[in-house]
């Protein structure tokens, strides 16, 4: 084999290695994208349960475009739509649950548990790195904006006339 042909062969092998490395890196980056908290579409959620701290679980269902409490009372549609939007909360970072001491990040016990169509989201403490909170989803823990932490339902105001 001539020197020029051998040089071209080594250059082609080098280019092939670089292309393979670039493809591998791209696939690795795509797998590690944080994404959303769940794969649920907030608009299609019909069952929701919320437990704040050690209070009783409050269950809601969506029928006819409106949210209803399990006891048959109409619920605040905007409040429950906000809770349903949590399903699509952008995740800043995912980690394995084993990477943490659950008690230290507020997940033992959780500060709030939101169940959306059977998908359990356990909310923990606020992160030390900013206005974010820990959320356990299965065997993983996500870091999401603190604005997605479930809050109590707004109280109805009674006006005095």
C-alpha atoms as a PDB file:
ATOM      1  CA  UNK A   1       0.000   0.000   0.000  1.00  0.00           C
ATOM      2  CA  UNK A   2       1.351   3.366  -0.948  1.00  0.00           C
ATOM      3  CA  UNK A   3       2.014   6.025   1.642  1.00  0.00           C
ATOM      4  CA  UNK A   4      -0.711   8.389   0.244  1.00  0.00           C
ATOM      5  CA  UNK A   5      -3.340   5.609   0.329  1.00  0.00           C
ATOM      6  CA  UNK A   6      -2.348   4.641   3.878  1.00  0.00           C
ATOM      7  CA  UNK A   7      -2.579   8.299   4.984  1.00  0.00           C
ATOM      8  CA  UNK A   8      -6.064   8.612   3.457  1.00  0.00           C
ATOM      9  CA  UNK A   9      -7.159   5.396   5.157  1.00  0.00           C
ATOM     10  CA  UNK A  10      -5.994   6.654   8.572  1.00  0.00           C
ATOM     11  CA  UNK A  11      -7.712   9.997   7.971  1.00  0.00           C
ATOM     12  CA  UNK A  12     -10.960   8.239   7.051  1.00  0.00           C
ATOM     13  CA  UNK A  13     -10.707   6.070  10.171  1.00  0.00           C
ATOM     14  CA  UNK A  14     -10.099   9.182  12.270  1.00  0.00           C
ATOM     15  CA  UNK A  15     -13.142  10.911  10.782  1.00  0.00           C
ATOM     16  CA  UNK A  16     -15.263   7.784  11.380  1.00  0.00           C
ATOM     17  CA  UNK A  17     -14.161   7.692  15.032  1.00  0.00           C
ATOM     18  CA  UNK A  18     -15.003  11.395  15.459  1.00  0.00           C
ATOM     19  CA  UNK A  19     -18.449  10.938  13.868  1.00  0.00           C
ATOM     20  CA  UNK A  20     -19.162   7.915  16.079  1.00  0.00           C
ATOM     21  CA  UNK A  21     -18.099   9.875  19.178  1.00  0.00           C
ATOM     22  CA  UNK A  22     -20.319  12.807  18.177  1.00  0.00           C
ATOM     23  CA  UNK A  23     -23.337  10.511  17.656  1.00  0.00           C
ATOM     24  CA  UNK A  24     -22.724   8.804  21.012  1.00  0.00           C
ATOM     25  CA  UNK A  25     -22.440  12.178  22.793  1.00  0.00           C
ATOM     26  CA  UNK A  26     -25.655  13.440  21.193  1.00  0.00           C
ATOM     27  CA  UNK A  27     -27.576  10.319  22.245  1.00  0.00           C
ATOM     28  CA  UNK A  28     -26.188  10.610  25.782  1.00  0.00           C
ATOM     29  CA  UNK A  29     -27.171  14.287  25.978  1.00  0.00           C
ATOM     30  CA  UNK A  30     -30.693  13.522  24.710  1.00  0.00           C
ATOM     31  CA  UNK A  31     -31.126  10.771  27.339  1.00  0.00           C
ATOM     32  CA  UNK A  32     -30.028  13.150  30.098  1.00  0.00           C
ATOM     33  CA  UNK A  33     -32.366  16.013  29.195  1.00  0.00           C
ATOM     34  CA  UNK A  34     -34.443  16.745  32.257  1.00  0.00           C
ATOM     35  CA  UNK A  35     -37.773  17.084  30.439  1.00  0.00           C
ATOM     36  CA  UNK A  36     -41.101  17.276  32.281  1.00  0.00           C
ATOM     37  CA  UNK A  37     -42.139  15.947  35.682  1.00  0.00           C
ATOM     38  CA  UNK A  38     -44.511  13.368  34.128  1.00  0.00           C
ATOM     39  CA  UNK A  39     -45.629  12.261  30.692  1.00  0.00           C
ATOM     40  CA  UNK A  40     -49.234  13.193  31.524  1.00  0.00           C
ATOM     41  CA  UNK A  41     -51.024  15.892  29.525  1.00  0.00           C
ATOM     42  CA  UNK A  42     -52.503  18.317  32.102  1.00  0.00           C
ATOM     43  CA  UNK A  43     -55.575  18.867  29.932  1.00  0.00           C
ATOM     44  CA  UNK A  44     -56.521  15.184  30.014  1.00  0.00           C
ATOM     45  CA  UNK A  45     -56.195  14.628  33.767  1.00  0.00           C
ATOM     46  CA  UNK A  46     -59.539  13.610  35.292  1.00  0.00           C
ATOM     47  CA  UNK A  47     -58.601  12.329  38.760  1.00  0.00           C
ATOM     48  CA  UNK A  48     -56.657  14.323  41.312  1.00  0.00           C
ATOM     49  CA  UNK A  49     -55.921  13.752  44.998  1.00  0.00           C
ATOM     50  CA  UNK A  50     -54.072  16.148  47.289  1.00  0.00           C
ATOM     51  CA  UNK A  51     -52.687  15.685  50.766  1.00  0.00           C
ATOM     52  CA  UNK A  52     -50.945  18.620  52.422  1.00  0.00           C
ATOM     53  CA  UNK A  53     -48.803  17.597  55.382  1.00  0.00           C
ATOM     54  CA  UNK A  54     -50.750  15.317  57.691  1.00  0.00           C
ATOM     55  CA  UNK A  55     -54.201  16.566  56.651  1.00  0.00           C
ATOM     56  CA  UNK A  56     -56.714  14.126  55.134  1.00  0.00           C
ATOM     57  CA  UNK A  57     -56.496  13.423  51.417  1.00  0.00           C
ATOM     58  CA  UNK A  58     -58.943  15.473  49.339  1.00  0.00           C
ATOM     59  CA  UNK A  59     -60.066  13.781  46.107  1.00  0.00           C
ATOM     60  CA  UNK A  60     -61.370  15.494  42.990  1.00  0.00           C
ATOM     61  CA  UNK A  61     -62.670  14.314  39.640  1.00  0.00           C
ATOM     62  CA  UNK A  62     -63.292  16.207  36.439  1.00  0.00           C
ATOM     63  CA  UNK A  63     -66.699  15.740  34.841  1.00  0.00           C
ATOM     64  CA  UNK A  64     -68.346  17.842  32.181  1.00  0.00           C
ATOM     65  CA  UNK A  65     -65.372  20.211  32.024  1.00  0.00           C
ATOM     66  CA  UNK A  66     -65.540  21.059  35.751  1.00  0.00           C
ATOM     67  CA  UNK A  67     -63.817  19.776  38.861  1.00  0.00           C
ATOM     68  CA  UNK A  68     -65.854  18.185  41.642  1.00  0.00           C
ATOM     69  CA  UNK A  69     -64.903  17.088  45.135  1.00  0.00           C
ATOM     70  CA  UNK A  70     -65.534  13.467  46.059  1.00  0.00           C
ATOM     71  CA  UNK A  71     -68.389  14.671  48.299  1.00  0.00           C
ATOM     72  CA  UNK A  72     -70.209  16.088  45.245  1.00  0.00           C
ATOM     73  CA  UNK A  73     -69.362  19.768  45.829  1.00  0.00           C
ATOM     74  CA  UNK A  74     -68.126  21.916  42.941  1.00  0.00           C
ATOM     75  CA  UNK A  75     -64.452  22.767  43.266  1.00  0.00           C
ATOM     76  CA  UNK A  76     -62.418  25.753  42.096  1.00  0.00           C
ATOM     77  CA  UNK A  77     -61.612  24.944  38.455  1.00  0.00           C
ATOM     78  CA  UNK A  78     -58.686  27.399  38.264  1.00  0.00           C
ATOM     79  CA  UNK A  79     -57.071  26.033  41.417  1.00  0.00           C
ATOM     80  CA  UNK A  80     -57.320  22.435  40.212  1.00  0.00           C
ATOM     81  CA  UNK A  81     -56.151  23.331  36.694  1.00  0.00           C
ATOM     82  CA  UNK A  82     -53.067  24.851  38.339  1.00  0.00           C
ATOM     83  CA  UNK A  83     -52.478  21.635  40.266  1.00  0.00           C
ATOM     84  CA  UNK A  84     -52.931  19.587  37.071  1.00  0.00           C
ATOM     85  CA  UNK A  85     -50.335  21.784  35.324  1.00  0.00           C
ATOM     86  CA  UNK A  86     -47.794  20.350  37.761  1.00  0.00           C
ATOM     87  CA  UNK A  87     -47.722  17.233  35.558  1.00  0.00           C
ATOM     88  CA  UNK A  88     -45.897  19.251  32.888  1.00  0.00           C
ATOM     89  CA  UNK A  89     -43.572  21.115  35.257  1.00  0.00           C
ATOM     90  CA  UNK A  90     -40.123  21.529  33.686  1.00  0.00           C
ATOM     91  CA  UNK A  91     -37.500  19.571  35.589  1.00  0.00           C
ATOM     92  CA  UNK A  92     -34.211  21.288  36.332  1.00  0.00           C
ATOM     93  CA  UNK A  93     -32.441  18.074  37.312  1.00  0.00           C
ATOM     94  CA  UNK A  94     -33.192  14.369  37.912  1.00  0.00           C
ATOM     95  CA  UNK A  95     -31.385  12.212  40.492  1.00  0.00           C
ATOM     96  CA  UNK A  96     -31.899   8.720  41.891  1.00  0.00           C
ATOM     97  CA  UNK A  97     -33.766   8.565  45.207  1.00  0.00           C
ATOM     98  CA  UNK A  98     -30.781   6.680  46.652  1.00  0.00           C
ATOM     99  CA  UNK A  99     -28.604   9.772  46.175  1.00  0.00           C
ATOM    100  CA  UNK A 100     -30.416  11.476  49.072  1.00  0.00           C
ATOM    101  CA  UNK A 101     -31.395  10.972  52.675  1.00  0.00           C
ATOM    102  CA  UNK A 102     -35.159  11.345  52.179  1.00  0.00           C
ATOM    103  CA  UNK A 103     -35.638  12.957  55.594  1.00  0.00           C
ATOM    104  CA  UNK A 104     -33.060  15.653  54.857  1.00  0.00           C
ATOM    105  CA  UNK A 105     -34.849  16.766  51.694  1.00  0.00           C
ATOM    106  CA  UNK A 106     -38.311  16.704  53.247  1.00  0.00           C
ATOM    107  CA  UNK A 107     -39.566  13.489  51.673  1.00  0.00           C
ATOM    108  CA  UNK A 108     -39.825  11.387  54.845  1.00  0.00           C
ATOM    109  CA  UNK A 109     -42.604  12.288  55.339  1.00  0.00           C
ATOM    110  CA  UNK A 110     -43.388  14.440  52.291  1.00  0.00           C
ATOM    111  CA  UNK A 111     -44.733  17.946  52.770  1.00  0.00           C
ATOM    112  CA  UNK A 112     -47.396  17.339  50.132  1.00  0.00           C
ATOM    113  CA  UNK A 113     -48.537  14.442  47.963  1.00  0.00           C
ATOM    114  CA  UNK A 114     -50.293  15.155  44.675  1.00  0.00           C
ATOM    115  CA  UNK A 115     -51.707  12.209  42.741  1.00  0.00           C
ATOM    116  CA  UNK A 116     -52.646  12.893  39.119  1.00  0.00           C
ATOM    117  CA  UNK A 117     -54.502  10.067  37.352  1.00  0.00           C
ATOM    118  CA  UNK A 118     -52.693   7.575  39.590  1.00  0.00           C
ATOM    119  CA  UNK A 119     -49.226   9.164  39.203  1.00  0.00           C
ATOM    120  CA  UNK A 120     -47.921   9.970  42.714  1.00  0.00           C
ATOM    121  CA  UNK A 121     -45.807  13.094  43.191  1.00  0.00           C
ATOM    122  CA  UNK A 122     -44.332  13.562  46.682  1.00  0.00           C
ATOM    123  CA  UNK A 123     -43.097  17.093  47.408  1.00  0.00           C
ATOM    124  CA  UNK A 124     -40.238  17.730  49.786  1.00  0.00           C
ATOM    125  CA  UNK A 125     -38.280  20.666  51.096  1.00  0.00           C
ATOM    126  CA  UNK A 126     -37.024  23.737  49.326  1.00  0.00           C
ATOM    127  CA  UNK A 127     -33.569  23.343  47.804  1.00  0.00           C
ATOM    128  CA  UNK A 128     -30.628  25.238  49.274  1.00  0.00           C
ATOM    129  CA  UNK A 129     -29.611  26.336  45.769  1.00  0.00           C
ATOM    130  CA  UNK A 130     -32.602  28.523  45.002  1.00  0.00           C
ATOM    131  CA  UNK A 131     -36.384  28.698  44.794  1.00  0.00           C
ATOM    132  CA  UNK A 132     -36.778  25.034  43.906  1.00  0.00           C
ATOM    133  CA  UNK A 133     -38.207  21.998  45.666  1.00  0.00           C
ATOM    134  CA  UNK A 134     -37.587  18.268  45.593  1.00  0.00           C
ATOM    135  CA  UNK A 135     -40.264  16.027  44.063  1.00  0.00           C
ATOM    136  CA  UNK A 136     -40.160  12.244  44.218  1.00  0.00           C
ATOM    137  CA  UNK A 137     -41.566  10.526  41.152  1.00  0.00           C
ATOM    138  CA  UNK A 138     -41.147   6.773  41.469  1.00  0.00           C
ATOM    139  CA  UNK A 139     -37.486   5.936  42.121  1.00  0.00           C
ATOM    140  CA  UNK A 140     -36.255   9.354  41.022  1.00  0.00           C
ATOM    141  CA  UNK A 141     -36.159  12.810  42.553  1.00  0.00           C
ATOM    142  CA  UNK A 142     -36.655  15.919  40.459  1.00  0.00           C
ATOM    143  CA  UNK A 143     -35.745  19.474  41.239  1.00  0.00           C
ATOM    144  CA  UNK A 144     -38.535  21.815  40.051  1.00  0.00           C
ATOM    145  CA  UNK A 145     -39.471  25.444  40.531  1.00  0.00           C
ATOM    146  CA  UNK A 146     -41.011  26.165  43.922  1.00  0.00           C
ATOM    147  CA  UNK A 147     -44.099  27.585  42.186  1.00  0.00           C
ATOM    148  CA  UNK A 148     -45.226  23.989  41.511  1.00  0.00           C
ATOM    149  CA  UNK A 149     -45.364  23.119  45.237  1.00  0.00           C
ATOM    150  CA  UNK A 150     -49.063  22.452  45.994  1.00  0.00           C
ATOM    151  CA  UNK A 151     -50.711  25.079  48.160  1.00  0.00           C
ATOM    152  CA  UNK A 152     -54.014  24.957  50.052  1.00  0.00           C
ATOM    153  CA  UNK A 153     -57.134  25.856  48.095  1.00  0.00           C
ATOM    154  CA  UNK A 154     -57.990  29.551  48.249  1.00  0.00           C
ATOM    155  CA  UNK A 155     -60.688  30.310  50.786  1.00  0.00           C
ATOM    156  CA  UNK A 156     -63.958  31.723  49.522  1.00  0.00           C
ATOM    157  CA  UNK A 157     -64.467  35.284  50.639  1.00  0.00           C
ATOM    158  CA  UNK A 158     -67.732  36.163  52.231  1.00  0.00           C
ATOM    159  CA  UNK A 159     -68.639  39.751  51.536  1.00  0.00           C
ATOM    160  CA  UNK A 160     -70.462  41.886  54.052  1.00  0.00           C
ATOM    161  CA  UNK A 161     -73.197  44.033  52.587  1.00  0.00           C
END
